[in-house]
């Protein structure tokens, strides 16, 4: 969207979500492990909710006994169960 010059609220929200995923996973969408049909978004979507600890940056989890879902809920400010449409 941004490269095509199309700016919208939806594009901004999606970009912000990808930025959060990058922060929590410590991986970039341009990482060489992602290519073809496999993306960072797909990696997280497939791990949710059972295996999130496999994709969340371990440095974030070592500081506390917080589960990945609790960590995401704290960042979002509310319960994620109703809002995970993006993934």
N, C-alpha and C. Protein backbone atom coordinates (compact mmCIF):
# COMPACT_ATOMS: atom_id res chain seq x y z
N UNK A 1 0.82 -1.19 0.00
CA UNK A 1 0.00 0.00 0.00
C UNK A 1 0.87 1.25 0.00
N UNK A 2 1.80 1.35 0.91
CA UNK A 2 2.63 2.53 1.02
C UNK A 2 3.45 2.78 -0.23
N UNK A 3 4.00 1.73 -0.81
CA UNK A 3 4.83 1.89 -2.00
C UNK A 3 3.98 2.29 -3.21
N UNK A 4 2.73 1.90 -3.20
CA UNK A 4 1.84 2.23 -4.31
C UNK A 4 1.22 3.61 -4.13
N UNK A 5 1.50 4.26 -2.99
CA UNK A 5 0.96 5.59 -2.74
C UNK A 5 -0.45 5.58 -2.19
N UNK A 6 -0.97 4.42 -1.82
CA UNK A 6 -2.31 4.32 -1.27
C UNK A 6 -2.21 4.35 0.25
N UNK A 7 -2.75 5.38 0.85
CA UNK A 7 -2.71 5.53 2.30
C UNK A 7 -4.14 5.44 2.81
N UNK A 8 -4.31 4.61 3.83
CA UNK A 8 -5.64 4.49 4.44
C UNK A 8 -5.48 4.06 5.88
N UNK A 9 -6.55 4.17 6.62
CA UNK A 9 -6.54 3.74 8.02
C UNK A 9 -6.27 2.25 8.11
N UNK A 10 -6.87 1.48 7.21
CA UNK A 10 -6.66 0.02 7.22
C UNK A 10 -5.20 -0.32 6.99
N UNK A 11 -4.56 0.38 6.06
CA UNK A 11 -3.14 0.12 5.78
C UNK A 11 -2.29 0.48 6.99
N UNK A 12 -2.64 1.59 7.66
CA UNK A 12 -1.89 1.98 8.85
C UNK A 12 -2.04 0.97 9.98
N UNK A 13 -3.24 0.49 10.19
CA UNK A 13 -3.48 -0.50 11.24
C UNK A 13 -2.75 -1.80 10.93
N UNK A 14 -2.79 -2.23 9.67
CA UNK A 14 -2.09 -3.45 9.27
C UNK A 14 -0.59 -3.28 9.48
N UNK A 15 -0.04 -2.15 9.07
CA UNK A 15 1.39 -1.90 9.23
C UNK A 15 1.79 -1.88 10.69
N UNK A 16 0.97 -1.27 11.52
CA UNK A 16 1.24 -1.24 12.96
C UNK A 16 1.23 -2.67 13.52
N UNK A 17 0.28 -3.47 13.08
CA UNK A 17 0.22 -4.87 13.53
C UNK A 17 1.46 -5.64 13.14
N UNK A 18 1.93 -5.44 11.92
CA UNK A 18 3.16 -6.11 11.46
C UNK A 18 4.35 -5.63 12.29
N UNK A 19 4.38 -4.34 12.60
CA UNK A 19 5.45 -3.80 13.43
C UNK A 19 5.45 -4.47 14.81
N UNK A 20 4.28 -4.63 15.40
CA UNK A 20 4.20 -5.32 16.70
C UNK A 20 4.67 -6.77 16.59
N UNK A 21 4.29 -7.43 15.52
CA UNK A 21 4.73 -8.82 15.31
C UNK A 21 6.25 -8.86 15.20
N UNK A 22 6.84 -7.90 14.49
CA UNK A 22 8.31 -7.84 14.39
C UNK A 22 8.95 -7.67 15.76
N UNK A 23 8.38 -6.80 16.58
CA UNK A 23 8.93 -6.55 17.92
C UNK A 23 8.83 -7.80 18.78
N UNK A 24 7.67 -8.43 18.78
CA UNK A 24 7.47 -9.60 19.64
C UNK A 24 8.24 -10.83 19.18
N UNK A 25 8.43 -10.98 17.88
CA UNK A 25 9.12 -12.17 17.37
C UNK A 25 10.61 -11.94 17.13
N UNK A 26 11.00 -10.68 17.05
CA UNK A 26 12.38 -10.29 16.73
C UNK A 26 12.79 -10.81 15.35
N UNK A 27 11.82 -10.81 14.45
CA UNK A 27 12.05 -11.22 13.06
C UNK A 27 11.43 -10.18 12.14
N UNK A 28 12.02 -10.02 10.98
CA UNK A 28 11.48 -9.08 9.99
C UNK A 28 10.80 -9.86 8.87
N UNK A 29 9.78 -9.27 8.26
CA UNK A 29 9.10 -9.94 7.16
C UNK A 29 10.04 -10.22 5.98
N UNK A 30 11.16 -9.52 5.92
CA UNK A 30 12.11 -9.70 4.82
C UNK A 30 13.16 -10.75 5.13
N UNK A 31 13.06 -11.41 6.29
CA UNK A 31 13.99 -12.47 6.67
C UNK A 31 14.00 -13.54 5.59
N UNK A 32 15.16 -14.10 5.33
CA UNK A 32 15.29 -15.08 4.24
C UNK A 32 14.47 -16.35 4.48
N UNK A 33 14.07 -16.61 5.75
CA UNK A 33 13.25 -17.80 6.00
C UNK A 33 11.84 -17.63 5.43
N UNK A 34 11.46 -16.39 5.15
CA UNK A 34 10.14 -16.12 4.60
C UNK A 34 10.27 -15.87 3.10
N UNK A 35 9.58 -16.65 2.36
CA UNK A 35 9.62 -16.50 0.91
C UNK A 35 8.52 -17.33 0.30
N UNK A 36 8.21 -17.05 -0.92
CA UNK A 36 7.14 -17.79 -1.58
C UNK A 36 5.81 -17.54 -0.89
N UNK A 37 5.18 -18.60 -0.43
CA UNK A 37 3.87 -18.48 0.22
C UNK A 37 3.97 -18.38 1.74
N UNK A 38 5.17 -18.42 2.30
CA UNK A 38 5.33 -18.42 3.76
C UNK A 38 5.79 -17.04 4.22
N UNK A 39 5.06 -16.46 5.18
CA UNK A 39 5.36 -15.11 5.66
C UNK A 39 5.44 -15.09 7.19
N UNK A 40 5.93 -13.98 7.71
CA UNK A 40 5.99 -13.78 9.16
C UNK A 40 4.58 -13.84 9.75
N UNK A 41 3.64 -13.22 9.10
CA UNK A 41 2.26 -13.25 9.55
C UNK A 41 1.72 -14.68 9.62
N UNK A 42 2.07 -15.48 8.62
CA UNK A 42 1.61 -16.87 8.60
C UNK A 42 2.28 -17.68 9.72
N UNK A 43 3.56 -17.42 9.98
CA UNK A 43 4.27 -18.11 11.06
C UNK A 43 3.56 -17.90 12.39
N UNK A 44 3.21 -16.65 12.68
CA UNK A 44 2.54 -16.33 13.94
C UNK A 44 1.12 -16.90 13.96
N UNK A 45 0.42 -16.79 12.85
CA UNK A 45 -0.95 -17.31 12.78
C UNK A 45 -0.99 -18.81 13.04
N UNK A 46 -0.02 -19.54 12.49
CA UNK A 46 0.02 -20.99 12.69
C UNK A 46 0.39 -21.36 14.12
N UNK A 47 1.15 -20.50 14.79
CA UNK A 47 1.57 -20.78 16.16
C UNK A 47 0.50 -20.40 17.18
N UNK A 48 -0.44 -19.55 16.78
CA UNK A 48 -1.44 -19.07 17.72
C UNK A 48 -2.53 -20.10 17.95
N UNK A 49 -3.00 -20.30 19.16
CA UNK A 49 -2.51 -19.81 20.44
C UNK A 49 -1.61 -20.79 21.17
N UNK A 50 -1.51 -22.01 20.66
CA UNK A 50 -0.84 -23.09 21.38
C UNK A 50 0.68 -22.92 21.45
N UNK A 51 1.31 -22.54 20.36
CA UNK A 51 2.77 -22.53 20.31
C UNK A 51 3.36 -21.13 20.19
N UNK A 52 2.70 -20.13 20.75
CA UNK A 52 3.23 -18.77 20.66
C UNK A 52 4.61 -18.64 21.27
N UNK A 53 4.87 -19.39 22.32
CA UNK A 53 6.19 -19.29 22.96
C UNK A 53 7.31 -19.74 22.01
N UNK A 54 6.97 -20.47 20.97
CA UNK A 54 7.97 -20.89 19.99
C UNK A 54 8.36 -19.76 19.04
N UNK A 55 7.49 -18.77 18.87
CA UNK A 55 7.79 -17.69 17.94
C UNK A 55 8.08 -16.36 18.64
N UNK A 56 7.66 -16.21 19.89
CA UNK A 56 7.95 -14.98 20.64
C UNK A 56 9.42 -14.96 21.02
N UNK A 57 10.04 -13.79 20.93
CA UNK A 57 11.44 -13.62 21.30
C UNK A 57 11.64 -14.08 22.74
N UNK A 58 12.53 -15.02 22.95
CA UNK A 58 12.74 -15.60 24.29
C UNK A 58 13.22 -14.57 25.30
N UNK A 59 13.87 -13.51 24.85
CA UNK A 59 14.32 -12.47 25.77
C UNK A 59 13.15 -11.75 26.42
N UNK A 60 12.05 -11.65 25.73
CA UNK A 60 10.86 -11.02 26.29
C UNK A 60 10.23 -11.88 27.37
N UNK A 61 10.32 -13.19 27.21
CA UNK A 61 9.68 -14.09 28.16
C UNK A 61 10.56 -14.41 29.36
N UNK A 62 11.86 -14.28 29.25
CA UNK A 62 12.75 -14.61 30.36
C UNK A 62 12.67 -13.62 31.51
N UNK A 63 12.25 -12.40 31.24
CA UNK A 63 12.20 -11.37 32.26
C UNK A 63 11.08 -11.61 33.27
N UNK A 64 10.06 -12.33 32.88
CA UNK A 64 8.93 -12.54 33.77
C UNK A 64 8.32 -13.92 33.50
N UNK A 65 7.34 -14.26 34.28
CA UNK A 65 6.64 -15.52 34.09
C UNK A 65 5.35 -15.31 33.30
N UNK A 66 5.35 -14.32 32.45
CA UNK A 66 4.18 -13.98 31.66
C UNK A 66 4.07 -14.90 30.45
N UNK A 67 2.87 -15.39 30.18
CA UNK A 67 2.66 -16.22 29.00
C UNK A 67 2.61 -15.33 27.77
N UNK A 68 2.87 -15.88 26.59
CA UNK A 68 2.80 -15.07 25.37
C UNK A 68 1.46 -14.38 25.17
N UNK A 69 0.37 -15.08 25.47
CA UNK A 69 -0.95 -14.48 25.30
C UNK A 69 -1.13 -13.32 26.27
N UNK A 70 -0.68 -13.47 27.51
CA UNK A 70 -0.77 -12.38 28.48
C UNK A 70 0.08 -11.19 28.03
N UNK A 71 1.24 -11.47 27.46
CA UNK A 71 2.12 -10.42 26.97
C UNK A 71 1.44 -9.62 25.86
N UNK A 72 0.80 -10.33 24.93
CA UNK A 72 0.09 -9.66 23.84
C UNK A 72 -1.11 -8.88 24.36
N UNK A 73 -1.82 -9.44 25.35
CA UNK A 73 -2.96 -8.74 25.92
C UNK A 73 -2.52 -7.47 26.63
N UNK A 74 -1.40 -7.52 27.33
CA UNK A 74 -0.88 -6.33 27.99
C UNK A 74 -0.54 -5.26 26.97
N UNK A 75 0.06 -5.66 25.86
CA UNK A 75 0.42 -4.69 24.82
C UNK A 75 -0.82 -4.11 24.16
N UNK A 76 -1.85 -4.94 23.98
CA UNK A 76 -3.07 -4.48 23.33
C UNK A 76 -3.96 -3.70 24.28
N UNK A 77 -3.81 -3.93 25.58
CA UNK A 77 -4.60 -3.20 26.55
C UNK A 77 -5.94 -3.83 26.87
N UNK A 78 -6.24 -4.98 26.33
CA UNK A 78 -7.50 -5.66 26.63
C UNK A 78 -7.43 -7.12 26.20
N UNK A 79 -8.55 -7.80 26.29
CA UNK A 79 -8.61 -9.21 25.93
C UNK A 79 -8.51 -9.39 24.42
N UNK A 80 -7.58 -10.23 23.97
CA UNK A 80 -7.37 -10.42 22.53
C UNK A 80 -8.36 -11.38 21.89
N UNK A 81 -9.03 -12.15 22.67
CA UNK A 81 -9.92 -13.17 22.12
C UNK A 81 -10.92 -12.64 21.11
N UNK A 82 -11.36 -11.41 21.31
CA UNK A 82 -12.37 -10.83 20.42
C UNK A 82 -11.77 -10.11 19.22
N UNK A 83 -10.42 -9.93 19.20
CA UNK A 83 -9.84 -9.05 18.19
C UNK A 83 -8.80 -9.66 17.30
N UNK A 84 -8.63 -10.95 17.27
CA UNK A 84 -7.56 -11.55 16.48
C UNK A 84 -7.95 -11.83 15.04
N UNK A 85 -8.69 -10.95 14.47
CA UNK A 85 -9.10 -11.08 13.08
C UNK A 85 -7.90 -10.86 12.15
N UNK A 86 -6.94 -10.02 12.58
CA UNK A 86 -5.80 -9.70 11.74
C UNK A 86 -4.98 -10.93 11.40
N UNK A 87 -4.87 -11.87 12.31
CA UNK A 87 -4.05 -13.06 12.08
C UNK A 87 -4.89 -14.07 11.37
